[in-house]
Amino acid sequence: LSDIEGMTLGGGARAGNIDTELLGDFFYDTIVDSLVGVTDTLHAMIFGQESKASVGEGIKSLQRYNPTNIRYDAKNDWIGRLPKNGEFENFIDNPHAFSATYNILRTYEKEHFKFQMTVPKMISRWAPPQENDTKSYIRHVLSSTGLSETDIIDTEDLELMKKIIRVMTLHEVGYNSFMSYDEWDEDIEEGIGIARK
């Protein structure tokens, strides 16, 4: 996180003000690890439901530049991907993570749902019920985008895709981590551009 300028630690002190050399990487990692079990209460208060991530998990998603939490798969050869370091992908920056997110959603649309993708279908595949509170995730995407359960998603509608990826990011990292950074929209737009080259 010390490399991510302008992000905050649990919604408190700005990363740019944290002297990680003074704290030491071990101490800093210990703090983040201690926040893994801490519920993002602000997210729950604002949206009426918990985020997918605890405060610590949200910070870890930001550290690996993977704000939509794409799981590692050796078969994928994402642009901007870093070597394997755990169960989730690591990217060089957020735009490259969003490029991968957009490509995954396009694959869902074309190959898995034959151009009949809805929010419930998409999120049930992205965040399957055996591992997630999928219903809560679906409700969050629907309420934030204004889509209905039966609206067909067209991944060529770039404004809609920006909205969808933005709320997926918010749900994946939680309000605390999401609000610690103010360039999500620019990064998502850049990521979609990378994917479409």
N, C-alpha and C. Protein backbone atom coordinates (compact mmCIF):
# COMPACT_ATOMS: atom_id res chain seq x y z
N LEU A 1 0.83 -1.20 0.00
CA LEU A 1 0.00 0.00 0.00
C LEU A 1 0.87 1.25 0.00
N SER A 2 2.10 1.14 0.48
CA SER A 2 2.96 2.32 0.50
C SER A 2 3.23 2.81 -0.90
N ASP A 3 3.08 1.97 -1.91
CA ASP A 3 3.29 2.37 -3.30
C ASP A 3 2.06 3.00 -3.91
N ILE A 4 0.93 2.96 -3.24
CA ILE A 4 -0.32 3.47 -3.79
C ILE A 4 -0.57 4.84 -3.19
N GLU A 5 -0.18 5.88 -3.90
CA GLU A 5 -0.32 7.23 -3.39
C GLU A 5 -1.79 7.61 -3.25
N GLY A 6 -2.10 8.27 -2.17
CA GLY A 6 -3.44 8.81 -2.00
C GLY A 6 -4.45 7.84 -1.44
N MET A 7 -4.07 6.59 -1.17
CA MET A 7 -5.02 5.66 -0.59
C MET A 7 -4.88 5.71 0.93
N THR A 8 -5.91 5.31 1.63
CA THR A 8 -5.86 5.42 3.08
C THR A 8 -5.81 4.07 3.74
N LEU A 9 -5.36 4.07 4.95
CA LEU A 9 -5.33 2.87 5.77
C LEU A 9 -6.61 2.84 6.59
N GLY A 10 -7.56 2.00 6.18
CA GLY A 10 -8.80 1.86 6.92
C GLY A 10 -9.59 3.15 7.03
N GLY A 11 -9.46 4.02 6.04
CA GLY A 11 -10.22 5.26 6.04
C GLY A 11 -9.61 6.31 6.96
N GLY A 12 -8.41 6.07 7.48
CA GLY A 12 -7.80 7.01 8.40
C GLY A 12 -6.67 7.79 7.74
N ALA A 13 -5.47 7.60 8.24
CA ALA A 13 -4.32 8.36 7.74
C ALA A 13 -4.03 8.02 6.29
N ARG A 14 -3.63 9.03 5.53
CA ARG A 14 -3.34 8.81 4.11
C ARG A 14 -2.03 8.05 3.96
N ALA A 15 -1.98 7.14 2.96
CA ALA A 15 -0.80 6.32 2.75
C ALA A 15 0.41 7.18 2.49
N GLY A 16 0.24 8.32 1.83
CA GLY A 16 1.35 9.19 1.54
C GLY A 16 1.98 9.76 2.81
N ASN A 17 1.26 9.75 3.94
CA ASN A 17 1.77 10.27 5.20
C ASN A 17 2.33 9.17 6.10
N ILE A 18 2.18 7.92 5.69
CA ILE A 18 2.65 6.81 6.51
C ILE A 18 4.10 6.51 6.11
N ASP A 19 5.01 6.59 7.05
CA ASP A 19 6.41 6.27 6.78
C ASP A 19 6.60 4.78 7.00
N THR A 20 6.47 4.01 5.91
CA THR A 20 6.55 2.55 6.05
C THR A 20 7.95 2.10 6.43
N GLU A 21 8.97 2.91 6.14
CA GLU A 21 10.32 2.55 6.58
C GLU A 21 10.39 2.63 8.10
N LEU A 22 9.75 3.65 8.66
CA LEU A 22 9.74 3.79 10.11
C LEU A 22 8.92 2.67 10.75
N LEU A 23 7.75 2.43 10.19
CA LEU A 23 6.89 1.37 10.74
C LEU A 23 7.46 -0.01 10.48
N GLY A 24 8.08 -0.15 9.33
CA GLY A 24 8.58 -1.46 8.93
C GLY A 24 7.48 -2.23 8.24
N ASP A 25 7.86 -2.92 7.18
CA ASP A 25 6.88 -3.69 6.41
C ASP A 25 6.19 -4.73 7.26
N PHE A 26 6.93 -5.35 8.17
CA PHE A 26 6.34 -6.39 9.01
C PHE A 26 5.23 -5.81 9.88
N PHE A 27 5.51 -4.67 10.51
CA PHE A 27 4.52 -4.03 11.37
C PHE A 27 3.30 -3.61 10.57
N TYR A 28 3.56 -3.04 9.40
CA TYR A 28 2.45 -2.61 8.54
C TYR A 28 1.60 -3.81 8.13
N ASP A 29 2.24 -4.90 7.69
CA ASP A 29 1.51 -6.11 7.30
C ASP A 29 0.71 -6.67 8.47
N THR A 30 1.28 -6.56 9.67
CA THR A 30 0.58 -7.04 10.87
C THR A 30 -0.70 -6.24 11.10
N ILE A 31 -0.63 -4.91 10.90
CA ILE A 31 -1.81 -4.07 11.05
C ILE A 31 -2.88 -4.48 10.03
N VAL A 32 -2.48 -4.63 8.77
CA VAL A 32 -3.44 -5.01 7.73
C VAL A 32 -4.03 -6.37 8.04
N ASP A 33 -3.18 -7.33 8.45
CA ASP A 33 -3.69 -8.67 8.79
C ASP A 33 -4.69 -8.60 9.94
N SER A 34 -4.47 -7.71 10.90
CA SER A 34 -5.38 -7.60 12.03
C SER A 34 -6.75 -7.04 11.61
N LEU A 35 -6.78 -6.35 10.46
CA LEU A 35 -8.03 -5.77 9.97
C LEU A 35 -8.82 -6.73 9.07
N VAL A 36 -8.25 -7.92 8.82
CA VAL A 36 -8.92 -8.87 7.94
C VAL A 36 -10.27 -9.30 8.52
N GLY A 37 -10.38 -9.41 9.81
CA GLY A 37 -11.65 -9.81 10.41
C GLY A 37 -12.58 -8.66 10.77
N VAL A 38 -12.18 -7.43 10.44
CA VAL A 38 -12.96 -6.25 10.83
C VAL A 38 -13.97 -5.91 9.74
N THR A 39 -15.25 -5.95 10.09
CA THR A 39 -16.32 -5.63 9.15
C THR A 39 -16.28 -4.17 8.75
N ASP A 40 -16.50 -3.90 7.49
CA ASP A 40 -16.56 -2.52 6.99
C ASP A 40 -17.94 -1.96 7.37
N THR A 41 -18.03 -1.43 8.58
CA THR A 41 -19.33 -0.97 9.09
C THR A 41 -19.88 0.22 8.31
N LEU A 42 -19.02 1.07 7.80
CA LEU A 42 -19.50 2.18 6.97
C LEU A 42 -20.25 1.66 5.75
N HIS A 43 -19.71 0.64 5.11
CA HIS A 43 -20.36 0.05 3.94
C HIS A 43 -21.76 -0.45 4.32
N ALA A 44 -21.81 -1.17 5.43
CA ALA A 44 -23.10 -1.72 5.89
C ALA A 44 -24.10 -0.61 6.21
N MET A 45 -23.63 0.47 6.82
CA MET A 45 -24.51 1.58 7.16
C MET A 45 -25.04 2.28 5.92
N ILE A 46 -24.18 2.48 4.94
CA ILE A 46 -24.56 3.23 3.74
C ILE A 46 -25.44 2.40 2.81
N PHE A 47 -25.09 1.12 2.63
CA PHE A 47 -25.79 0.30 1.64
C PHE A 47 -26.76 -0.70 2.24
N GLY A 48 -26.82 -0.78 3.55
CA GLY A 48 -27.77 -1.68 4.19
C GLY A 48 -27.37 -3.14 4.09
N GLN A 49 -26.14 -3.39 3.75
CA GLN A 49 -25.63 -4.77 3.65
C GLN A 49 -24.12 -4.70 3.73
N GLU A 50 -23.51 -5.80 4.13
CA GLU A 50 -22.06 -5.83 4.24
C GLU A 50 -21.42 -5.91 2.85
N SER A 51 -20.20 -5.40 2.77
CA SER A 51 -19.43 -5.57 1.55
C SER A 51 -18.91 -7.00 1.51
N LYS A 52 -18.39 -7.39 0.39
CA LYS A 52 -17.81 -8.73 0.28
C LYS A 52 -16.57 -8.83 1.16
N ALA A 53 -15.82 -7.73 1.26
CA ALA A 53 -14.53 -7.74 1.95
C ALA A 53 -14.60 -7.09 3.32
N SER A 54 -13.77 -7.60 4.22
CA SER A 54 -13.53 -6.90 5.48
C SER A 54 -12.59 -5.73 5.16
N VAL A 55 -12.34 -4.89 6.14
CA VAL A 55 -11.44 -3.75 5.93
C VAL A 55 -10.07 -4.23 5.48
N GLY A 56 -9.52 -5.22 6.15
CA GLY A 56 -8.19 -5.74 5.79
C GLY A 56 -8.15 -6.38 4.42
N GLU A 57 -9.19 -7.13 4.08
CA GLU A 57 -9.23 -7.76 2.75
C GLU A 57 -9.31 -6.70 1.66
N GLY A 58 -10.06 -5.63 1.92
CA GLY A 58 -10.13 -4.54 0.94
C GLY A 58 -8.77 -3.91 0.70
N ILE A 59 -8.03 -3.69 1.78
CA ILE A 59 -6.68 -3.12 1.65
C ILE A 59 -5.79 -4.06 0.86
N LYS A 60 -5.88 -5.36 1.12
CA LYS A 60 -5.05 -6.32 0.38
C LYS A 60 -5.39 -6.34 -1.11
N SER A 61 -6.67 -6.16 -1.44
CA SER A 61 -7.06 -6.08 -2.85
C SER A 61 -6.39 -4.89 -3.52
N LEU A 62 -6.33 -3.76 -2.80
CA LEU A 62 -5.67 -2.57 -3.34
C LEU A 62 -4.17 -2.78 -3.46
N GLN A 63 -3.57 -3.47 -2.50
CA GLN A 63 -2.13 -3.72 -2.54
C GLN A 63 -1.73 -4.54 -3.77
N ARG A 64 -2.57 -5.48 -4.16
CA ARG A 64 -2.21 -6.32 -5.32
C ARG A 64 -2.76 -5.74 -6.63
N TYR A 65 -3.29 -4.51 -6.57
CA TYR A 65 -3.88 -3.87 -7.75
C TYR A 65 -4.87 -4.83 -8.43
N ASN A 66 -5.77 -5.36 -7.65
CA ASN A 66 -6.77 -6.28 -8.16
C ASN A 66 -8.09 -5.98 -7.44
N PRO A 67 -8.67 -4.80 -7.71
CA PRO A 67 -9.83 -4.37 -6.92
C PRO A 67 -11.12 -5.13 -7.19
N THR A 68 -11.17 -5.96 -8.23
CA THR A 68 -12.36 -6.80 -8.42
C THR A 68 -12.08 -8.25 -8.00
N ASN A 69 -10.91 -8.49 -7.44
CA ASN A 69 -10.54 -9.80 -6.88
C ASN A 69 -10.63 -10.95 -7.88
N ILE A 70 -9.93 -10.80 -8.98
CA ILE A 70 -9.85 -11.88 -9.97
C ILE A 70 -8.94 -12.97 -9.41
N ARG A 71 -9.45 -14.18 -9.40
CA ARG A 71 -8.64 -15.30 -8.89
C ARG A 71 -7.55 -15.67 -9.91
N TYR A 72 -6.43 -16.14 -9.37
CA TYR A 72 -5.33 -16.56 -10.22
C TYR A 72 -5.71 -17.81 -10.99
N ASP A 73 -5.38 -17.82 -12.26
CA ASP A 73 -5.56 -18.99 -13.12
C ASP A 73 -4.39 -19.00 -14.09
N ALA A 74 -3.57 -20.04 -14.03
CA ALA A 74 -2.36 -20.11 -14.86
C ALA A 74 -2.68 -20.02 -16.35
N LYS A 75 -3.89 -20.40 -16.76
CA LYS A 75 -4.26 -20.36 -18.18
C LYS A 75 -4.40 -18.94 -18.72
N ASN A 76 -4.67 -18.00 -17.83
CA ASN A 76 -4.85 -16.63 -18.29
C ASN A 76 -3.51 -15.94 -18.49
N ASP A 77 -3.46 -15.12 -19.52
CA ASP A 77 -2.24 -14.38 -19.84
C ASP A 77 -2.60 -12.90 -19.93
N TRP A 78 -3.02 -12.33 -18.81
CA TRP A 78 -3.49 -10.96 -18.81
C TRP A 78 -2.38 -9.98 -19.10
N ILE A 79 -2.68 -8.93 -19.83
CA ILE A 79 -1.75 -7.84 -20.02
C ILE A 79 -1.55 -7.16 -18.66
N GLY A 80 -0.30 -6.91 -18.28
CA GLY A 80 -0.02 -6.24 -17.01
C GLY A 80 -0.08 -7.13 -15.80
N ARG A 81 -0.09 -8.43 -16.01
CA ARG A 81 -0.15 -9.37 -14.90
C ARG A 81 1.25 -9.54 -14.29
N LEU A 82 1.30 -9.66 -12.97
CA LEU A 82 2.54 -9.94 -12.27
C LEU A 82 2.61 -11.42 -11.92
N PRO A 83 3.78 -11.92 -11.54
CA PRO A 83 3.90 -13.35 -11.18
C PRO A 83 2.96 -13.73 -10.04
N LYS A 84 2.63 -15.00 -9.99
CA LYS A 84 1.71 -15.51 -8.97
C LYS A 84 2.23 -15.22 -7.57
N ASN A 85 1.31 -14.76 -6.72
CA ASN A 85 1.65 -14.47 -5.33
C ASN A 85 0.38 -14.68 -4.50
N GLY A 86 -0.10 -15.91 -4.45
CA GLY A 86 -1.30 -16.20 -3.70
C GLY A 86 -2.44 -16.63 -4.62
N GLU A 87 -3.66 -16.66 -4.06
CA GLU A 87 -4.80 -17.18 -4.82
C GLU A 87 -5.41 -16.16 -5.77
N PHE A 88 -5.03 -14.88 -5.62
CA PHE A 88 -5.58 -13.83 -6.47
C PHE A 88 -4.51 -13.30 -7.41
N GLU A 89 -4.97 -12.79 -8.56
CA GLU A 89 -4.05 -12.17 -9.51
C GLU A 89 -3.44 -10.92 -8.91
N ASN A 90 -2.26 -10.57 -9.38
CA ASN A 90 -1.58 -9.33 -9.04
C ASN A 90 -1.28 -8.62 -10.35
N PHE A 91 -1.57 -7.32 -10.41
CA PHE A 91 -1.37 -6.55 -11.63
C PHE A 91 -0.42 -5.38 -11.37
N ILE A 92 0.06 -4.80 -12.46
CA ILE A 92 0.99 -3.68 -12.33
C ILE A 92 0.27 -2.40 -11.90
N ASP A 93 -1.04 -2.32 -12.19
CA ASP A 93 -1.84 -1.16 -11.79
C ASP A 93 -3.32 -1.50 -11.95
N ASN A 94 -4.17 -0.60 -11.48
CA ASN A 94 -5.61 -0.82 -11.56
C ASN A 94 -6.14 -0.91 -12.99
N PRO A 95 -5.71 -0.03 -13.92
CA PRO A 95 -6.25 -0.14 -15.27
C PRO A 95 -6.06 -1.53 -15.89
N HIS A 96 -4.92 -2.16 -15.63
CA HIS A 96 -4.71 -3.50 -16.19
C HIS A 96 -5.61 -4.54 -15.52
N ALA A 97 -5.90 -4.34 -14.24
CA ALA A 97 -6.86 -5.23 -13.57
C ALA A 97 -8.24 -5.04 -14.17
N PHE A 98 -8.63 -3.79 -14.43
CA PHE A 98 -9.95 -3.53 -15.02
C PHE A 98 -10.04 -4.02 -16.46
N SER A 99 -8.92 -4.02 -17.16
CA SER A 99 -8.89 -4.60 -18.50
C SER A 99 -9.26 -6.08 -18.43
N ALA A 100 -8.66 -6.78 -17.47
CA ALA A 100 -8.97 -8.21 -17.29
C ALA A 100 -10.42 -8.40 -16.87
N THR A 101 -10.91 -7.55 -15.96
CA THR A 101 -12.31 -7.63 -15.53
C THR A 101 -13.25 -7.50 -16.73
N TYR A 102 -13.01 -6.49 -17.54
CA TYR A 102 -13.86 -6.26 -18.72
C TYR A 102 -13.80 -7.45 -19.67
N ASN A 103 -12.61 -8.00 -19.89
CA ASN A 103 -12.49 -9.16 -20.78
C ASN A 103 -13.23 -10.38 -20.24
N ILE A 104 -13.18 -10.57 -18.93
CA ILE A 104 -13.93 -11.68 -18.33
C ILE A 104 -15.42 -11.49 -18.55
N LEU A 105 -15.91 -10.28 -18.33
CA LEU A 105 -17.35 -10.03 -18.50
C LEU A 105 -17.77 -10.19 -19.96
N ARG A 106 -16.92 -9.81 -20.89
CA ARG A 106 -17.22 -10.03 -22.32
C ARG A 106 -17.28 -11.52 -22.64
N THR A 107 -16.39 -12.29 -22.03
CA THR A 107 -16.40 -13.74 -22.23
C THR A 107 -17.69 -14.34 -21.66
N TYR A 108 -18.09 -13.88 -20.48
CA TYR A 108 -19.36 -14.34 -19.91
C TYR A 108 -20.49 -14.08 -20.91
N GLU A 109 -20.55 -12.85 -21.40
CA GLU A 109 -21.64 -12.44 -22.30
C GLU A 109 -21.69 -13.33 -23.54
N LYS A 110 -20.55 -13.53 -24.18
CA LYS A 110 -20.53 -14.24 -25.46
C LYS A 110 -20.57 -15.75 -25.30
N GLU A 111 -19.71 -16.29 -24.45
CA GLU A 111 -19.54 -17.75 -24.39
C GLU A 111 -20.46 -18.44 -23.40
N HIS A 112 -20.69 -17.83 -22.26
CA HIS A 112 -21.46 -18.50 -21.22
C HIS A 112 -22.96 -18.19 -21.30
N PHE A 113 -23.29 -16.96 -21.70
CA PHE A 113 -24.69 -16.56 -21.68
C PHE A 113 -25.25 -16.22 -23.06
N LYS A 114 -24.45 -16.42 -24.09
CA LYS A 114 -24.91 -16.27 -25.49
C LYS A 114 -25.69 -14.97 -25.70
N PHE A 115 -25.11 -13.88 -25.21
CA PHE A 115 -25.67 -12.53 -25.35
C PHE A 115 -27.00 -12.35 -24.63
N GLN A 116 -27.23 -13.15 -23.59
CA GLN A 116 -28.42 -13.02 -22.75
C GLN A 116 -28.02 -12.83 -21.28
N MET A 117 -26.93 -12.11 -21.07
CA MET A 117 -26.40 -11.94 -19.72
C MET A 117 -27.20 -10.88 -18.96
N THR A 118 -27.61 -11.23 -17.76
CA THR A 118 -28.28 -10.31 -16.84
C THR A 118 -27.38 -10.14 -15.60
N VAL A 119 -27.70 -9.19 -14.76
CA VAL A 119 -26.91 -9.01 -13.54
C VAL A 119 -26.94 -10.28 -12.68
N PRO A 120 -28.10 -10.90 -12.42
CA PRO A 120 -28.07 -12.12 -11.60
C PRO A 120 -27.19 -13.23 -12.20
N LYS A 121 -27.26 -13.41 -13.53
CA LYS A 121 -26.42 -14.44 -14.17
C LYS A 121 -24.95 -14.08 -14.03
N MET A 122 -24.62 -12.84 -14.33
CA MET A 122 -23.23 -12.39 -14.32
C MET A 122 -22.62 -12.51 -12.92
N ILE A 123 -23.31 -11.98 -11.91
CA ILE A 123 -22.75 -11.98 -10.56
C ILE A 123 -22.74 -13.39 -9.97
N SER A 124 -23.71 -14.21 -10.32
CA SER A 124 -23.71 -15.60 -9.82
C SER A 124 -22.50 -16.36 -10.33
N ARG A 125 -22.04 -16.02 -11.52
CA ARG A 125 -20.83 -16.65 -12.06
C ARG A 125 -19.58 -16.00 -11.46
N TRP A 126 -19.58 -14.67 -11.33
CA TRP A 126 -18.42 -13.94 -10.79
C TRP A 126 -18.19 -14.28 -9.32
N ALA A 127 -19.26 -14.32 -8.56
CA ALA A 127 -19.17 -14.55 -7.11
C ALA A 127 -20.15 -15.65 -6.73
N PRO A 128 -19.79 -16.91 -7.01
CA PRO A 128 -20.73 -18.02 -6.81
C PRO A 128 -21.20 -18.16 -5.36
N PRO A 129 -22.46 -18.60 -5.19
CA PRO A 129 -23.06 -18.68 -3.85
C PRO A 129 -22.32 -19.56 -2.86
N GLN A 130 -21.60 -20.57 -3.34
CA GLN A 130 -20.89 -21.44 -2.39
C GLN A 130 -19.74 -20.70 -1.69
N GLU A 131 -19.33 -19.53 -2.22
CA GLU A 131 -18.23 -18.78 -1.63
C GLU A 131 -18.64 -17.37 -1.18
N ASN A 132 -19.82 -16.90 -1.59
CA ASN A 132 -20.19 -15.50 -1.41
C ASN A 132 -21.65 -15.33 -1.03
N ASP A 133 -21.96 -14.13 -0.56
CA ASP A 133 -23.35 -13.73 -0.39
C ASP A 133 -23.78 -13.13 -1.74
N THR A 134 -24.06 -14.00 -2.67
CA THR A 134 -24.33 -13.58 -4.05
C THR A 134 -25.59 -12.72 -4.15
N LYS A 135 -26.61 -13.05 -3.39
CA LYS A 135 -27.85 -12.26 -3.44
C LYS A 135 -27.59 -10.80 -3.05
N SER A 136 -26.79 -10.60 -2.01
CA SER A 136 -26.45 -9.25 -1.58
C SER A 136 -25.68 -8.52 -2.67
N TYR A 137 -24.76 -9.21 -3.30
CA TYR A 137 -23.95 -8.64 -4.37
C TYR A 137 -24.84 -8.22 -5.54
N ILE A 138 -25.77 -9.09 -5.92
CA ILE A 138 -26.70 -8.79 -7.02
C ILE A 138 -27.54 -7.57 -6.68
N ARG A 139 -28.08 -7.53 -5.46
CA ARG A 139 -28.89 -6.37 -5.04
C ARG A 139 -28.09 -5.08 -5.14
N HIS A 140 -26.83 -5.13 -4.72
CA HIS A 140 -25.98 -3.94 -4.74
C HIS A 140 -25.77 -3.46 -6.18
N VAL A 141 -25.48 -4.37 -7.10
CA VAL A 141 -25.26 -3.98 -8.50
C VAL A 141 -26.56 -3.44 -9.11
N LEU A 142 -27.67 -4.10 -8.85
CA LEU A 142 -28.95 -3.64 -9.40
C LEU A 142 -29.31 -2.25 -8.88
N SER A 143 -29.21 -2.06 -7.57
CA SER A 143 -29.62 -0.77 -7.00
C SER A 143 -28.69 0.37 -7.43
N SER A 144 -27.42 0.07 -7.64
CA SER A 144 -26.45 1.11 -7.99
C SER A 144 -26.45 1.46 -9.47
N THR A 145 -26.89 0.53 -10.30
CA THR A 145 -26.88 0.78 -11.75
C THR A 145 -28.25 1.13 -12.30
N GLY A 146 -29.31 0.83 -11.54
CA GLY A 146 -30.66 1.07 -12.03
C GLY A 146 -31.16 -0.01 -12.96
N LEU A 147 -30.40 -1.09 -13.11
CA LEU A 147 -30.83 -2.21 -13.95
C LEU A 147 -31.86 -3.05 -13.21
N SER A 148 -32.68 -3.76 -13.98
CA SER A 148 -33.60 -4.73 -13.38
C SER A 148 -32.97 -6.12 -13.51
N GLU A 149 -33.57 -7.08 -12.83
CA GLU A 149 -33.05 -8.45 -12.88
C GLU A 149 -33.09 -9.05 -14.28
N THR A 150 -33.96 -8.54 -15.14
CA THR A 150 -34.12 -9.13 -16.47
C THR A 150 -33.46 -8.33 -17.59
N ASP A 151 -32.92 -7.15 -17.27
CA ASP A 151 -32.25 -6.36 -18.31
C ASP A 151 -31.04 -7.10 -18.85
N ILE A 152 -30.92 -7.14 -20.17
CA ILE A 152 -29.78 -7.78 -20.83
C ILE A 152 -28.62 -6.79 -20.86
N ILE A 153 -27.45 -7.26 -20.44
CA ILE A 153 -26.25 -6.41 -20.42
C ILE A 153 -25.52 -6.53 -21.74
N ASP A 154 -25.26 -5.39 -22.35
CA ASP A 154 -24.49 -5.31 -23.58
C ASP A 154 -23.11 -4.76 -23.22
N THR A 155 -22.08 -5.59 -23.32
CA THR A 155 -20.74 -5.14 -22.93
C THR A 155 -20.17 -4.10 -23.89
N GLU A 156 -20.86 -3.85 -25.02
CA GLU A 156 -20.44 -2.78 -25.92
C GLU A 156 -20.99 -1.42 -25.45
N ASP A 157 -21.89 -1.43 -24.49
CA ASP A 157 -22.38 -0.20 -23.88
C ASP A 157 -21.36 0.20 -22.82
N LEU A 158 -20.40 1.01 -23.22
CA LEU A 158 -19.25 1.29 -22.36
C LEU A 158 -19.62 2.08 -21.12
N GLU A 159 -20.59 2.97 -21.21
CA GLU A 159 -21.02 3.72 -20.02
C GLU A 159 -21.63 2.77 -18.99
N LEU A 160 -22.43 1.83 -19.46
CA LEU A 160 -23.02 0.84 -18.55
C LEU A 160 -21.93 -0.02 -17.94
N MET A 161 -20.96 -0.44 -18.74
CA MET A 161 -19.90 -1.29 -18.21
C MET A 161 -19.07 -0.56 -17.18
N LYS A 162 -18.85 0.73 -17.37
CA LYS A 162 -18.10 1.51 -16.37
C LYS A 162 -18.87 1.52 -15.05
N LYS A 163 -20.20 1.72 -15.12
CA LYS A 163 -21.02 1.71 -13.91
C LYS A 163 -20.97 0.35 -13.21
N ILE A 164 -21.09 -0.71 -14.01
CA ILE A 164 -21.10 -2.07 -13.44
C ILE A 164 -19.76 -2.37 -12.77
N ILE A 165 -18.66 -2.09 -13.45
CA ILE A 165 -17.34 -2.40 -12.89
C ILE A 165 -17.07 -1.53 -11.67
N ARG A 166 -17.56 -0.31 -11.68
CA ARG A 166 -17.38 0.58 -10.52
C ARG A 166 -18.08 0.01 -9.29
N VAL A 167 -19.33 -0.43 -9.43
CA VAL A 167 -20.04 -0.96 -8.27
C VAL A 167 -19.48 -2.33 -7.87
N MET A 168 -19.00 -3.11 -8.83
CA MET A 168 -18.34 -4.37 -8.47
C MET A 168 -17.11 -4.09 -7.62
N THR A 169 -16.35 -3.08 -8.01
CA THR A 169 -15.15 -2.69 -7.24
C THR A 169 -15.55 -2.27 -5.83
N LEU A 170 -16.57 -1.43 -5.71
CA LEU A 170 -17.04 -0.98 -4.41
C LEU A 170 -17.46 -2.16 -3.55
N HIS A 171 -18.20 -3.10 -4.13
CA HIS A 171 -18.65 -4.25 -3.37
C HIS A 171 -17.48 -5.17 -2.98
N GLU A 172 -16.53 -5.31 -3.88
CA GLU A 172 -15.40 -6.22 -3.63
C GLU A 172 -14.46 -5.70 -2.56
N VAL A 173 -14.16 -4.39 -2.55
CA VAL A 173 -13.17 -3.87 -1.60
C VAL A 173 -13.80 -3.20 -0.39
N GLY A 174 -15.09 -2.86 -0.46
CA GLY A 174 -15.76 -2.20 0.65
C GLY A 174 -15.60 -0.69 0.59
N TYR A 175 -16.51 -0.01 1.25
CA TYR A 175 -16.57 1.45 1.21
C TYR A 175 -15.28 2.09 1.72
N ASN A 176 -14.74 1.56 2.82
CA ASN A 176 -13.53 2.13 3.41
C ASN A 176 -12.40 2.21 2.40
N SER A 177 -12.10 1.10 1.76
CA SER A 177 -11.00 1.07 0.78
C SER A 177 -11.37 1.82 -0.48
N PHE A 178 -12.61 1.70 -0.90
CA PHE A 178 -13.04 2.37 -2.14
C PHE A 178 -12.89 3.88 -2.02
N MET A 179 -13.28 4.43 -0.89
CA MET A 179 -13.24 5.88 -0.71
C MET A 179 -11.83 6.41 -0.44
N SER A 180 -10.87 5.52 -0.31
CA SER A 180 -9.49 5.95 -0.07
C SER A 180 -8.77 6.34 -1.36
N TYR A 181 -9.48 6.24 -2.47
CA TYR A 181 -8.86 6.49 -3.78
C TYR A 181 -9.89 7.21 -4.63
N ASP A 182 -9.45 8.19 -5.43
CA ASP A 182 -10.45 8.97 -6.16
C ASP A 182 -10.30 8.91 -7.68
N GLU A 183 -9.58 7.92 -8.18
CA GLU A 183 -9.41 7.82 -9.63
C GLU A 183 -9.98 6.53 -10.21
N TRP A 184 -10.98 5.97 -9.52
CA TRP A 184 -11.57 4.72 -10.01
C TRP A 184 -12.13 4.90 -11.42
N ASP A 185 -12.89 5.96 -11.65
CA ASP A 185 -13.54 6.14 -12.95
C ASP A 185 -12.51 6.22 -14.08
N GLU A 186 -11.44 6.97 -13.85
CA GLU A 186 -10.38 7.10 -14.85
C GLU A 186 -9.71 5.75 -15.10
N ASP A 187 -9.43 5.01 -14.02
CA ASP A 187 -8.78 3.71 -14.15
C ASP A 187 -9.66 2.69 -14.88
N ILE A 188 -10.96 2.71 -14.57
CA ILE A 188 -11.88 1.78 -15.24
C ILE A 188 -11.95 2.11 -16.73
N GLU A 189 -12.08 3.39 -17.05
CA GLU A 189 -12.14 3.79 -18.45
C GLU A 189 -10.86 3.40 -19.19
N GLU A 190 -9.73 3.63 -18.56
CA GLU A 190 -8.45 3.25 -19.18
C GLU A 190 -8.36 1.74 -19.36
N GLY A 191 -8.81 0.99 -18.35
CA GLY A 191 -8.78 -0.46 -18.43
C GLY A 191 -9.63 -1.01 -19.55
N ILE A 192 -10.84 -0.46 -19.71
CA ILE A 192 -11.70 -0.89 -20.81
C ILE A 192 -11.02 -0.56 -22.15
N GLY A 193 -10.36 0.59 -22.22
CA GLY A 193 -9.63 0.95 -23.42
C GLY A 193 -8.52 -0.03 -23.75
N ILE A 194 -7.77 -0.47 -22.72
CA ILE A 194 -6.71 -1.46 -22.92
C ILE A 194 -7.30 -2.74 -23.48
N ALA A 195 -8.42 -3.17 -22.91
CA ALA A 195 -9.06 -4.42 -23.32
C ALA A 195 -9.57 -4.36 -24.76
N ARG A 196 -9.94 -3.18 -25.20
CA ARG A 196 -10.56 -3.05 -26.52
C ARG A 196 -9.56 -2.75 -27.64
N LYS A 197 -8.27 -2.65 -27.31
CA LYS A 197 -7.25 -2.38 -28.33
C LYS A 197 -7.06 -3.56 -29.25
